[in-house]
Amino acid sequence: NNCNAIGLSGADGNAIQAHKRPVKEIDYGFVGDIDGVNTKLIATL
């Protein structure tokens, strides 16, 4: 569609940092709660 897209996960370019959700009543496993977003990288793109 002539839209120059780039596919990313949060690991690419350190785009989205998170921590594993602490176990309380339920252990959700490898689920992340976000700590930060790399706005400099995203703005550059």
Full PDB file with SEQRES, HELIX, SHEET, SSBOND, CRYST1, ORIGX, SCALE, CONECT and MASTER records, all heavy atoms in Angstrom:
SEQRES   1 A   45  ASN ASN CYS ASN ALA ILE GLY LEU SER GLY ALA ASP GLY          
SEQRES   2 A   45  ASN ALA ILE GLN ALA HIS LYS ARG PRO VAL LYS GLU ILE          
SEQRES   3 A   45  ASP TYR GLY PHE VAL GLY ASP ILE ASP GLY VAL ASN THR          
SEQRES   4 A   45  LYS LEU ILE ALA THR LEU                                      
HELIX    1 AA1 ASP A   12  ASN A   14  5                                   3    
HELIX    2 AA2 THR A   39  THR A   44  1                                   6    
SHEET    1 AA1 2 ILE A  16  LYS A  20  0                                        
SHEET    2 AA1 2 GLY A  32  VAL A  37 -1                                        
CRYST1    1.000    1.000    1.000  90.00  90.00  90.00 P 1           1          
ORIGX1      1.000000  0.000000  0.000000        0.00000                         
ORIGX2      0.000000  1.000000  0.000000        0.00000                         
ORIGX3      0.000000  0.000000  1.000000        0.00000                         
SCALE1      1.000000  0.000000  0.000000        0.00000                         
SCALE2      0.000000  1.000000  0.000000        0.00000                         
SCALE3      0.000000  0.000000  1.000000        0.00000                         
ATOM      1  N   ASN A   1       0.820  -1.217   0.000  1.00  0.00           N  
ATOM      2  CA  ASN A   1       0.000   0.000   0.000  1.00  0.00           C  
ATOM      3  C   ASN A   1       0.858   1.273   0.000  1.00  0.00           C  
ATOM      4  O   ASN A   1       0.364   2.351   0.360  1.00  0.00           O  
ATOM      5  CB  ASN A   1      -0.920   0.003   1.226  1.00  0.00           C  
ATOM      6  CG  ASN A   1      -2.165  -0.841   1.030  1.00  0.00           C  
ATOM      7  OD1 ASN A   1      -3.080  -0.465   0.319  1.00  0.00           O  
ATOM      8  ND2 ASN A   1      -2.195  -2.007   1.662  1.00  0.00           N  
ATOM      9  N   ASN A   2       2.124   1.126  -0.367  1.00  0.00           N  
ATOM     10  CA  ASN A   2       3.057   2.274  -0.422  1.00  0.00           C  
ATOM     11  C   ASN A   2       3.230   2.954   0.932  1.00  0.00           C  
ATOM     12  O   ASN A   2       3.428   4.166   1.007  1.00  0.00           O  
ATOM     13  CB  ASN A   2       2.596   3.309  -1.467  1.00  0.00           C  
ATOM     14  CG  ASN A   2       2.618   2.727  -2.867  1.00  0.00           C  
ATOM     15  OD1 ASN A   2       3.601   2.100  -3.264  1.00  0.00           O  
ATOM     16  ND2 ASN A   2       1.530   2.902  -3.599  1.00  0.00           N  
ATOM     17  N   CYS A   3       3.141   2.151   1.993  1.00  0.00           N  
ATOM     18  CA  CYS A   3       3.414   2.649   3.347  1.00  0.00           C  
ATOM     19  C   CYS A   3       4.680   1.947   3.817  1.00  0.00           C  
ATOM     20  O   CYS A   3       4.693   0.722   3.980  1.00  0.00           O  
ATOM     21  CB  CYS A   3       2.238   2.318   4.267  1.00  0.00           C  
ATOM     22  SG  CYS A   3       2.522   2.745   6.000  1.00  0.00           S  
ATOM     23  N   ASN A   4       5.764   2.703   3.991  1.00  0.00           N  
ATOM     24  CA  ASN A   4       7.061   2.110   4.293  1.00  0.00           C  
ATOM     25  C   ASN A   4       7.141   1.726   5.769  1.00  0.00           C  
ATOM     26  O   ASN A   4       7.597   2.484   6.617  1.00  0.00           O  
ATOM     27  CB  ASN A   4       8.195   3.071   3.916  1.00  0.00           C  
ATOM     28  CG  ASN A   4       9.547   2.363   3.886  1.00  0.00           C  
ATOM     29  OD1 ASN A   4       9.624   1.154   4.043  1.00  0.00           O  
ATOM     30  ND2 ASN A   4      10.600   3.129   3.688  1.00  0.00           N  
ATOM     31  N   ALA A   5       6.657   0.509   6.068  1.00  0.00           N  
ATOM     32  CA  ALA A   5       6.534   0.040   7.449  1.00  0.00           C  
ATOM     33  C   ALA A   5       7.777  -0.724   7.893  1.00  0.00           C  
ATOM     34  O   ALA A   5       8.496  -1.304   7.079  1.00  0.00           O  
ATOM     35  CB  ALA A   5       5.308  -0.858   7.569  1.00  0.00           C  
ATOM     36  N   ILE A   6       8.000  -0.717   9.206  1.00  0.00           N  
ATOM     37  CA  ILE A   6       9.079  -1.506   9.805  1.00  0.00           C  
ATOM     38  C   ILE A   6       8.501  -2.254  11.001  1.00  0.00           C  
ATOM     39  O   ILE A   6       7.918  -1.645  11.898  1.00  0.00           O  
ATOM     40  CB  ILE A   6      10.297  -0.628  10.188  1.00  0.00           C  
ATOM     41  CG1 ILE A   6      11.407  -1.482  10.806  1.00  0.00           C  
ATOM     42  CG2 ILE A   6       9.914   0.538  11.108  1.00  0.00           C  
ATOM     43  CD1 ILE A   6      12.751  -0.753  10.922  1.00  0.00           C  
ATOM     44  N   GLY A   7       8.633  -3.582  11.003  1.00  0.00           N  
ATOM     45  CA  GLY A   7       8.054  -4.406  12.061  1.00  0.00           C  
ATOM     46  C   GLY A   7       8.977  -4.507  13.260  1.00  0.00           C  
ATOM     47  O   GLY A   7      10.183  -4.732  13.112  1.00  0.00           O  
ATOM     48  N   LEU A   8       8.406  -4.347  14.452  1.00  0.00           N  
ATOM     49  CA  LEU A   8       9.211  -4.314  15.682  1.00  0.00           C  
ATOM     50  C   LEU A   8       8.523  -5.056  16.822  1.00  0.00           C  
ATOM     51  O   LEU A   8       7.298  -5.041  16.939  1.00  0.00           O  
ATOM     52  CB  LEU A   8       9.418  -2.862  16.136  1.00  0.00           C  
ATOM     53  CG  LEU A   8      10.143  -1.906  15.178  1.00  0.00           C  
ATOM     54  CD1 LEU A   8       9.888  -0.473  15.589  1.00  0.00           C  
ATOM     55  CD2 LEU A   8      11.633  -2.197  15.161  1.00  0.00           C  
ATOM     56  N   SER A   9       9.352  -5.675  17.662  1.00  0.00           N  
ATOM     57  CA  SER A   9       8.899  -6.083  18.993  1.00  0.00           C  
ATOM     58  C   SER A   9       9.506  -5.093  19.979  1.00  0.00           C  
ATOM     59  O   SER A   9      10.324  -4.248  19.601  1.00  0.00           O  
ATOM     60  CB  SER A   9       9.389  -7.505  19.316  1.00  0.00           C  
ATOM     61  OG  SER A   9      10.798  -7.480  19.573  1.00  0.00           O  
ATOM     62  N   GLY A  10       9.157  -5.216  21.239  1.00  0.00           N  
ATOM     63  CA  GLY A  10       9.731  -4.321  22.246  1.00  0.00           C  
ATOM     64  C   GLY A  10      11.223  -4.501  22.438  1.00  0.00           C  
ATOM     65  O   GLY A  10      11.904  -3.595  22.936  1.00  0.00           O  
ATOM     66  N   ALA A  11      11.753  -5.671  22.034  1.00  0.00           N  
ATOM     67  CA  ALA A  11      13.195  -5.910  22.176  1.00  0.00           C  
ATOM     68  C   ALA A  11      13.997  -5.189  21.093  1.00  0.00           C  
ATOM     69  O   ALA A  11      15.163  -4.837  21.317  1.00  0.00           O  
ATOM     70  CB  ALA A  11      13.483  -7.410  22.123  1.00  0.00           C  
ATOM     71  N   ASP A  12      13.406  -4.960  19.938  1.00  0.00           N  
ATOM     72  CA  ASP A  12      14.117  -4.333  18.818  1.00  0.00           C  
ATOM     73  C   ASP A  12      14.422  -2.878  19.141  1.00  0.00           C  
ATOM     74  O   ASP A  12      13.524  -2.085  19.429  1.00  0.00           O  
ATOM     75  CB  ASP A  12      13.274  -4.432  17.534  1.00  0.00           C  
ATOM     76  CG  ASP A  12      13.071  -5.873  17.109  1.00  0.00           C  
ATOM     77  OD1 ASP A  12      14.068  -6.549  16.836  1.00  0.00           O  
ATOM     78  OD2 ASP A  12      11.910  -6.321  17.074  1.00  0.00           O  
ATOM     79  N   GLY A  13      15.705  -2.538  19.095  1.00  0.00           N  
ATOM     80  CA  GLY A  13      16.111  -1.174  19.403  1.00  0.00           C  
ATOM     81  C   GLY A  13      15.806  -0.779  20.841  1.00  0.00           C  
ATOM     82  O   GLY A  13      15.723   0.401  21.148  1.00  0.00           O  
ATOM     83  N   ASN A  14      15.614  -1.805  21.721  1.00  0.00           N  
ATOM     84  CA  ASN A  14      15.257  -1.539  23.121  1.00  0.00           C  
ATOM     85  C   ASN A  14      14.010  -0.654  23.198  1.00  0.00           C  
ATOM     86  O   ASN A  14      13.905   0.259  24.010  1.00  0.00           O  
ATOM     87  CB  ASN A  14      16.435  -0.873  23.859  1.00  0.00           C  
ATOM     88  CG  ASN A  14      16.261  -0.856  25.362  1.00  0.00           C  
ATOM     89  OD1 ASN A  14      15.612  -1.727  25.932  1.00  0.00           O  
ATOM     90  ND2 ASN A  14      16.832   0.137  26.009  1.00  0.00           N  
ATOM     91  N   ALA A  15      13.035  -0.967  22.315  1.00  0.00           N  
ATOM     92  CA  ALA A  15      11.884  -0.085  22.129  1.00  0.00           C  
ATOM     93  C   ALA A  15      10.952  -0.045  23.340  1.00  0.00           C  
ATOM     94  O   ALA A  15      10.447   1.012  23.705  1.00  0.00           O  
ATOM     95  CB  ALA A  15      11.096  -0.511  20.889  1.00  0.00           C  
ATOM     96  N   ILE A  16      10.675  -1.210  23.958  1.00  0.00           N  
ATOM     97  CA  ILE A  16       9.736  -1.259  25.082  1.00  0.00           C  
ATOM     98  C   ILE A  16      10.324  -2.132  26.182  1.00  0.00           C  
ATOM     99  O   ILE A  16      10.451  -3.351  26.026  1.00  0.00           O  
ATOM    100  CB  ILE A  16       8.358  -1.809  24.660  1.00  0.00           C  
ATOM    101  CG1 ILE A  16       7.782  -1.012  23.486  1.00  0.00           C  
ATOM    102  CG2 ILE A  16       7.380  -1.783  25.835  1.00  0.00           C  
ATOM    103  CD1 ILE A  16       6.634  -1.693  22.783  1.00  0.00           C  
ATOM    104  N   GLN A  17      10.697  -1.494  27.293  1.00  0.00           N  
ATOM    105  CA  GLN A  17      11.265  -2.232  28.425  1.00  0.00           C  
ATOM    106  C   GLN A  17      10.141  -2.547  29.417  1.00  0.00           C  
ATOM    107  O   GLN A  17       9.249  -1.731  29.640  1.00  0.00           O  
ATOM    108  CB  GLN A  17      12.345  -1.414  29.137  1.00  0.00           C  
ATOM    109  CG  GLN A  17      13.408  -0.824  28.203  1.00  0.00           C  
ATOM    110  CD  GLN A  17      13.050   0.582  27.744  1.00  0.00           C  
ATOM    111  OE1 GLN A  17      12.617   1.411  28.519  1.00  0.00           O  
ATOM    112  NE2 GLN A  17      13.244   0.853  26.460  1.00  0.00           N  
ATOM    113  N   ALA A  18      10.233  -3.737  30.013  1.00  0.00           N  
ATOM    114  CA  ALA A  18       9.196  -4.176  30.950  1.00  0.00           C  
ATOM    115  C   ALA A  18       9.820  -5.066  32.024  1.00  0.00           C  
ATOM    116  O   ALA A  18      10.991  -5.432  31.947  1.00  0.00           O  
ATOM    117  CB  ALA A  18       8.097  -4.933  30.198  1.00  0.00           C  
ATOM    118  N   HIS A  19       9.015  -5.398  33.018  1.00  0.00           N  
ATOM    119  CA  HIS A  19       9.430  -6.386  34.024  1.00  0.00           C  
ATOM    120  C   HIS A  19       8.364  -7.475  34.080  1.00  0.00           C  
ATOM    121  O   HIS A  19       7.195  -7.235  33.757  1.00  0.00           O  
ATOM    122  CB  HIS A  19       9.616  -5.742  35.407  1.00  0.00           C  
ATOM    123  CG  HIS A  19       8.367  -5.134  35.952  1.00  0.00           C  
ATOM    124  ND1 HIS A  19       7.982  -3.821  35.675  1.00  0.00           N  
ATOM    125  CD2 HIS A  19       7.371  -5.653  36.749  1.00  0.00           C  
ATOM    126  CE1 HIS A  19       6.825  -3.563  36.271  1.00  0.00           C  
ATOM    127  NE2 HIS A  19       6.432  -4.645  36.922  1.00  0.00           N  
ATOM    128  N   LYS A  20       8.778  -8.662  34.454  1.00  0.00           N  
ATOM    129  CA  LYS A  20       7.846  -9.788  34.583  1.00  0.00           C  
ATOM    130  C   LYS A  20       6.868  -9.490  35.715  1.00  0.00           C  
ATOM    131  O   LYS A  20       7.272  -9.071  36.789  1.00  0.00           O  
ATOM    132  CB  LYS A  20       8.629 -11.069  34.874  1.00  0.00           C  
ATOM    133  CG  LYS A  20       7.811 -12.339  34.846  1.00  0.00           C  
ATOM    134  CD  LYS A  20       8.758 -13.550  34.906  1.00  0.00           C  
ATOM    135  CE  LYS A  20       7.995 -14.861  34.978  1.00  0.00           C  
ATOM    136  NZ  LYS A  20       7.422 -15.120  36.293  1.00  0.00           N  
ATOM    137  N   ARG A  21       5.599  -9.655  35.427  1.00  0.00           N  
ATOM    138  CA  ARG A  21       4.565  -9.326  36.407  1.00  0.00           C  
ATOM    139  C   ARG A  21       4.749 -10.158  37.683  1.00  0.00           C  
ATOM    140  O   ARG A  21       4.838 -11.390  37.611  1.00  0.00           O  
ATOM    141  CB  ARG A  21       3.181  -9.584  35.813  1.00  0.00           C  
ATOM    142  CG  ARG A  21       2.035  -9.211  36.741  1.00  0.00           C  
ATOM    143  CD  ARG A  21       0.690  -9.308  36.032  1.00  0.00           C  
ATOM    144  NE  ARG A  21       0.615  -8.363  34.930  1.00  0.00           N  
ATOM    145  CZ  ARG A  21      -0.287  -8.402  33.966  1.00  0.00           C  
ATOM    146  NH1 ARG A  21      -1.201  -9.366  33.955  1.00  0.00           N  
ATOM    147  NH2 ARG A  21      -0.288  -7.501  33.004  1.00  0.00           N  
ATOM    148  N   PRO A  22       4.807  -9.496  38.838  1.00  0.00           N  
ATOM    149  CA  PRO A  22       4.982 -10.241  40.101  1.00  0.00           C  
ATOM    150  C   PRO A  22       3.803 -11.189  40.353  1.00  0.00           C  
ATOM    151  O   PRO A  22       2.666 -10.901  39.971  1.00  0.00           O  
ATOM    152  CB  PRO A  22       5.030  -9.146  41.172  1.00  0.00           C  
ATOM    153  CG  PRO A  22       5.263  -7.868  40.438  1.00  0.00           C  
ATOM    154  CD  PRO A  22       4.707  -8.044  39.066  1.00  0.00           C  
ATOM    155  N   VAL A  23       4.100 -12.320  40.986  1.00  0.00           N  
ATOM    156  CA  VAL A  23       3.047 -13.279  41.317  1.00  0.00           C  
ATOM    157  C   VAL A  23       2.306 -12.794  42.557  1.00  0.00           C  
ATOM    158  O   VAL A  23       2.911 -12.554  43.603  1.00  0.00           O  
ATOM    159  CB  VAL A  23       3.641 -14.682  41.567  1.00  0.00           C  
ATOM    160  CG1 VAL A  23       2.537 -15.661  41.961  1.00  0.00           C  
ATOM    161  CG2 VAL A  23       4.380 -15.172  40.330  1.00  0.00           C  
ATOM    162  N   LYS A  24       0.977 -12.635  42.408  1.00  0.00           N  
ATOM    163  CA  LYS A  24       0.127 -12.319  43.565  1.00  0.00           C  
ATOM    164  C   LYS A  24      -0.848 -13.494  43.711  1.00  0.00           C  
ATOM    165  O   LYS A  24      -0.442 -14.577  44.079  1.00  0.00           O  
ATOM    166  CB  LYS A  24      -0.559 -10.971  43.365  1.00  0.00           C  
ATOM    167  CG  LYS A  24       0.462  -9.814  43.398  1.00  0.00           C  
ATOM    168  CD  LYS A  24      -0.164  -8.455  43.194  1.00  0.00           C  
ATOM    169  CE  LYS A  24       0.927  -7.377  43.200  1.00  0.00           C  
ATOM    170  NZ  LYS A  24       0.394  -6.064  42.832  1.00  0.00           N  
ATOM    171  N   GLU A  25      -2.137 -13.280  43.435  1.00  0.00           N  
ATOM    172  CA  GLU A  25      -3.064 -14.419  43.499  1.00  0.00           C  
ATOM    173  C   GLU A  25      -2.838 -15.379  42.335  1.00  0.00           C  
ATOM    174  O   GLU A  25      -3.048 -16.577  42.454  1.00  0.00           O  
ATOM    175  CB  GLU A  25      -4.532 -13.940  43.475  1.00  0.00           C  
ATOM    176  CG  GLU A  25      -4.974 -13.164  44.698  1.00  0.00           C  
ATOM    177  CD  GLU A  25      -4.667 -11.682  44.570  1.00  0.00           C  
ATOM    178  OE1 GLU A  25      -4.448 -11.211  43.441  1.00  0.00           O  
ATOM    179  OE2 GLU A  25      -4.635 -10.991  45.607  1.00  0.00           O  
ATOM    180  N   ILE A  26      -2.436 -14.807  41.172  1.00  0.00           N  
ATOM    181  CA  ILE A  26      -2.278 -15.615  39.954  1.00  0.00           C  
ATOM    182  C   ILE A  26      -0.872 -15.414  39.399  1.00  0.00           C  
ATOM    183  O   ILE A  26      -0.357 -14.302  39.359  1.00  0.00           O  
ATOM    184  CB  ILE A  26      -3.324 -15.185  38.883  1.00  0.00           C  
ATOM    185  CG1 ILE A  26      -4.753 -15.405  39.400  1.00  0.00           C  
ATOM    186  CG2 ILE A  26      -3.118 -15.940  37.572  1.00  0.00           C  
ATOM    187  CD1 ILE A  26      -5.820 -14.741  38.559  1.00  0.00           C  
ATOM    188  N   ASP A  27      -0.254 -16.520  38.964  1.00  0.00           N  
ATOM    189  CA  ASP A  27       1.037 -16.436  38.273  1.00  0.00           C  
ATOM    190  C   ASP A  27       0.744 -16.390  36.771  1.00  0.00           C  
ATOM    191  O   ASP A  27       0.362 -17.395  36.175  1.00  0.00           O  
ATOM    192  CB  ASP A  27       1.900 -17.658  38.617  1.00  0.00           C  
ATOM    193  CG  ASP A  27       3.282 -17.589  37.958  1.00  0.00           C  
ATOM    194  OD1 ASP A  27       3.532 -16.638  37.187  1.00  0.00           O  
ATOM    195  OD2 ASP A  27       4.091 -18.488  38.205  1.00  0.00           O  
ATOM    196  N   TYR A  28       0.919 -15.192  36.179  1.00  0.00           N  
ATOM    197  CA  TYR A  28       0.630 -15.045  34.747  1.00  0.00           C  
ATOM    198  C   TYR A  28       1.778 -15.524  33.873  1.00  0.00           C  
ATOM    199  O   TYR A  28       1.667 -15.518  32.648  1.00  0.00           O  
ATOM    200  CB  TYR A  28       0.312 -13.575  34.431  1.00  0.00           C  
ATOM    201  CG  TYR A  28      -1.064 -13.156  34.910  1.00  0.00           C  
ATOM    202  CD1 TYR A  28      -1.225 -12.410  36.072  1.00  0.00           C  
ATOM    203  CD2 TYR A  28      -2.208 -13.526  34.201  1.00  0.00           C  
ATOM    204  CE1 TYR A  28      -2.490 -12.033  36.518  1.00  0.00           C  
ATOM    205  CE2 TYR A  28      -3.468 -13.160  34.641  1.00  0.00           C  
ATOM    206  CZ  TYR A  28      -3.606 -12.408  35.800  1.00  0.00           C  
ATOM    207  OH  TYR A  28      -4.856 -12.050  36.234  1.00  0.00           O  
ATOM    208  N   GLY A  29       2.896 -15.929  34.473  1.00  0.00           N  
ATOM    209  CA  GLY A  29       4.024 -16.430  33.693  1.00  0.00           C  
ATOM    210  C   GLY A  29       4.820 -15.296  33.067  1.00  0.00           C  
ATOM    211  O   GLY A  29       5.056 -14.264  33.705  1.00  0.00           O  
ATOM    212  N   PHE A  30       5.186 -15.491  31.799  1.00  0.00           N  
ATOM    213  CA  PHE A  30       6.057 -14.524  31.111  1.00  0.00           C  
ATOM    214  C   PHE A  30       5.236 -13.364  30.529  1.00  0.00           C  
ATOM    215  O   PHE A  30       5.161 -13.165  29.316  1.00  0.00           O  
ATOM    216  CB  PHE A  30       6.873 -15.225  30.027  1.00  0.00           C  
ATOM    217  CG  PHE A  30       7.839 -16.225  30.588  1.00  0.00           C  
ATOM    218  CD1 PHE A  30       7.555 -17.588  30.551  1.00  0.00           C  
ATOM    219  CD2 PHE A  30       9.029 -15.807  31.175  1.00  0.00           C  
ATOM    220  CE1 PHE A  30       8.441 -18.516  31.084  1.00  0.00           C  
ATOM    221  CE2 PHE A  30       9.922 -16.726  31.712  1.00  0.00           C  
ATOM    222  CZ  PHE A  30       9.625 -18.078  31.675  1.00  0.00           C  
ATOM    223  N   VAL A  31       4.613 -12.621  31.435  1.00  0.00           N  
ATOM    224  CA  VAL A  31       3.803 -11.455  31.062  1.00  0.00           C  
ATOM    225  C   VAL A  31       4.520 -10.213  31.574  1.00  0.00           C  
ATOM    226  O   VAL A  31       5.000 -10.175  32.705  1.00  0.00           O  
ATOM    227  CB  VAL A  31       2.385 -11.560  31.666  1.00  0.00           C  
ATOM    228  CG1 VAL A  31       1.642 -10.232  31.565  1.00  0.00           C  
ATOM    229  CG2 VAL A  31       1.597 -12.655  30.955  1.00  0.00           C  
ATOM    230  N   GLY A  32       4.609  -9.188  30.716  1.00  0.00           N  
ATOM    231  CA  GLY A  32       5.356  -7.996  31.062  1.00  0.00           C  
ATOM    232  C   GLY A  32       4.482  -6.807  31.407  1.00  0.00           C  
ATOM    233  O   GLY A  32       3.454  -6.575  30.756  1.00  0.00           O  
ATOM    234  N   ASP A  33       4.875  -6.073  32.443  1.00  0.00           N  
ATOM    235  CA  ASP A  33       4.295  -4.772  32.766  1.00  0.00           C  
ATOM    236  C   ASP A  33       5.325  -3.706  32.380  1.00  0.00           C  
ATOM    237  O   ASP A  33       6.491  -3.790  32.785  1.00  0.00           O  
ATOM    238  CB  ASP A  33       3.953  -4.681  34.255  1.00  0.00           C  
ATOM    239  CG  ASP A  33       2.790  -5.593  34.626  1.00  0.00           C  
ATOM    240  OD1 ASP A  33       1.904  -5.805  33.775  1.00  0.00           O  
ATOM    241  OD2 ASP A  33       2.773  -6.115  35.759  1.00  0.00           O  
ATOM    242  N   ILE A  34       4.900  -2.728  31.608  1.00  0.00           N  
ATOM    243  CA  ILE A  34       5.830  -1.806  30.936  1.00  0.00           C  
ATOM    244  C   ILE A  34       6.497  -0.843  31.923  1.00  0.00           C  
ATOM    245  O   ILE A  34       5.844  -0.262  32.785  1.00  0.00           O  
ATOM    246  CB  ILE A  34       5.096  -1.028  29.827  1.00  0.00           C  
ATOM    247  CG1 ILE A  34       4.654  -1.999  28.730  1.00  0.00           C  
ATOM    248  CG2 ILE A  34       5.990   0.069  29.225  1.00  0.00           C  
ATOM    249  CD1 ILE A  34       3.777  -1.393  27.657  1.00  0.00           C  
ATOM    250  N   ASP A  35       7.822  -0.695  31.746  1.00  0.00           N  
ATOM    251  CA  ASP A  35       8.615   0.271  32.530  1.00  0.00           C  
ATOM    252  C   ASP A  35       8.953   1.524  31.726  1.00  0.00           C  
ATOM    253  O   ASP A  35       9.050   2.612  32.284  1.00  0.00           O  
ATOM    254  CB  ASP A  35       9.932  -0.369  33.000  1.00  0.00           C  
ATOM    255  CG  ASP A  35       9.703  -1.511  33.966  1.00  0.00           C  
ATOM    256  OD1 ASP A  35       8.821  -1.379  34.829  1.00  0.00           O  
ATOM    257  OD2 ASP A  35      10.394  -2.546  33.845  1.00  0.00           O  
ATOM    258  N   GLY A  36       9.158   1.363  30.415  1.00  0.00           N  
ATOM    259  CA  GLY A  36       9.564   2.522  29.624  1.00  0.00           C  
ATOM    260  C   GLY A  36       9.484   2.266  28.133  1.00  0.00           C  
ATOM    261  O   GLY A  36       9.479   1.126  27.672  1.00  0.00           O  
ATOM    262  N   VAL A  37       9.391   3.359  27.383  1.00  0.00           N  
ATOM    263  CA  VAL A  37       9.333   3.318  25.914  1.00  0.00           C  
ATOM    264  C   VAL A  37      10.475   4.170  25.379  1.00  0.00           C  
ATOM    265  O   VAL A  37      10.724   5.272  25.864  1.00  0.00           O  
ATOM    266  CB  VAL A  37       7.966   3.867  25.413  1.00  0.00           C  
ATOM    267  CG1 VAL A  37       7.960   4.015  23.902  1.00  0.00           C  
ATOM    268  CG2 VAL A  37       6.831   2.954  25.865  1.00  0.00           C  
ATOM    269  N   ASN A  38      11.172   3.653  24.374  1.00  0.00           N  
ATOM    270  CA  ASN A  38      12.317   4.359  23.782  1.00  0.00           C  
ATOM    271  C   ASN A  38      11.808   5.357  22.739  1.00  0.00           C  
ATOM    272  O   ASN A  38      11.760   5.089  21.542  1.00  0.00           O  
ATOM    273  CB  ASN A  38      13.272   3.336  23.147  1.00  0.00           C  
ATOM    274  CG  ASN A  38      14.566   3.957  22.681  1.00  0.00           C  
ATOM    275  OD1 ASN A  38      14.678   5.172  22.540  1.00  0.00           O  
ATOM    276  ND2 ASN A  38      15.562   3.122  22.424  1.00  0.00           N  
ATOM    277  N   THR A  39      11.409   6.528  23.239  1.00  0.00           N  
ATOM    278  CA  THR A  39      10.803   7.532  22.352  1.00  0.00           C  
ATOM    279  C   THR A  39      11.811   8.086  21.347  1.00  0.00           C  
ATOM    280  O   THR A  39      11.435   8.451  20.229  1.00  0.00           O  
ATOM    281  CB  THR A  39      10.217   8.690  23.177  1.00  0.00           C  
ATOM    282  OG1 THR A  39      11.228   9.239  24.019  1.00  0.00           O  
ATOM    283  CG2 THR A  39       9.067   8.211  24.043  1.00  0.00           C  
ATOM    284  N   LYS A  40      13.075   8.117  21.726  1.00  0.00           N  
ATOM    285  CA  LYS A  40      14.105   8.633  20.808  1.00  0.00           C  
ATOM    286  C   LYS A  40      14.200   7.750  19.570  1.00  0.00           C  
ATOM    287  O   LYS A  40      14.242   8.237  18.437  1.00  0.00           O  
ATOM    288  CB  LYS A  40      15.454   8.695  21.523  1.00  0.00           C  
ATOM    289  CG  LYS A  40      16.552   9.330  20.686  1.00  0.00           C  
ATOM    290  CD  LYS A  40      17.874   9.412  21.451  1.00  0.00           C  
ATOM    291  CE  LYS A  40      18.973   9.991  20.556  1.00  0.00           C  
ATOM    292  NZ  LYS A  40      20.291   9.989  21.247  1.00  0.00           N  
ATOM    293  N   LEU A  41      14.217   6.428  19.769  1.00  0.00           N  
ATOM    294  CA  LEU A  41      14.259   5.488  18.646  1.00  0.00           C  
ATOM    295  C   LEU A  41      13.029   5.669  17.760  1.00  0.00           C  
ATOM    296  O   LEU A  41      13.144   5.768  16.530  1.00  0.00           O  
ATOM    297  CB  LEU A  41      14.298   4.048  19.166  1.00  0.00           C  
ATOM    298  CG  LEU A  41      14.020   2.980  18.092  1.00  0.00           C  
ATOM    299  CD1 LEU A  41      15.256   2.708  17.263  1.00  0.00           C  
ATOM    300  CD2 LEU A  41      13.483   1.692  18.706  1.00  0.00           C  
ATOM    301  N   ILE A  42      11.849   5.692  18.382  1.00  0.00           N  
ATOM    302  CA  ILE A  42      10.602   5.770  17.611  1.00  0.00           C  
ATOM    303  C   ILE A  42      10.542   7.082  16.827  1.00  0.00           C  
ATOM    304  O   ILE A  42      10.175   7.096  15.645  1.00  0.00           O  
ATOM    305  CB  ILE A  42       9.379   5.604  18.534  1.00  0.00           C  
ATOM    306  CG1 ILE A  42       9.405   4.225  19.191  1.00  0.00           C  
ATOM    307  CG2 ILE A  42       8.078   5.804  17.763  1.00  0.00           C  
ATOM    308  CD1 ILE A  42       8.393   4.030  20.317  1.00  0.00           C  
ATOM    309  N   ALA A  43      10.948   8.186  17.456  1.00  0.00           N  
ATOM    310  CA  ALA A  43      10.958   9.486  16.768  1.00  0.00           C  
ATOM    311  C   ALA A  43      11.924   9.470  15.590  1.00  0.00           C  
ATOM    312  O   ALA A  43      11.623  10.027  14.520  1.00  0.00           O  
ATOM    313  CB  ALA A  43      11.331  10.593  17.748  1.00  0.00           C  
ATOM    314  N   THR A  44      13.067   8.811  15.762  1.00  0.00           N  
ATOM    315  CA  THR A  44      14.050   8.707  14.669  1.00  0.00           C  
ATOM    316  C   THR A  44      13.442   7.973  13.474  1.00  0.00           C  
ATOM    317  O   THR A  44      13.588   8.405  12.324  1.00  0.00           O  
ATOM    318  CB  THR A  44      15.324   7.982  15.151  1.00  0.00           C  
ATOM    319  OG1 THR A  44      15.907   8.735  16.214  1.00  0.00           O  
ATOM    320  CG2 THR A  44      16.341   7.827  14.029  1.00  0.00           C  
ATOM    321  N   LEU A  45      12.764   6.869  13.745  1.00  0.00           N  
ATOM    322  CA  LEU A  45      12.125   6.102  12.660  1.00  0.00           C  
ATOM    323  C   LEU A  45      11.055   6.934  11.958  1.00  0.00           C  
ATOM    324  O   LEU A  45      11.001   6.979  10.718  1.00  0.00           O  
ATOM    325  CB  LEU A  45      11.502   4.814  13.220  1.00  0.00           C  
ATOM    326  CG  LEU A  45      12.477   3.785  13.810  1.00  0.00           C  
ATOM    327  CD1 LEU A  45      11.723   2.660  14.497  1.00  0.00           C  
ATOM    328  CD2 LEU A  45      13.406   3.223  12.733  1.00  0.00           C  
TER     329      LEU A  45                                                      
MASTER        0    0    0    2    2    0    0    6  328    1    0    4          
END                                                                             
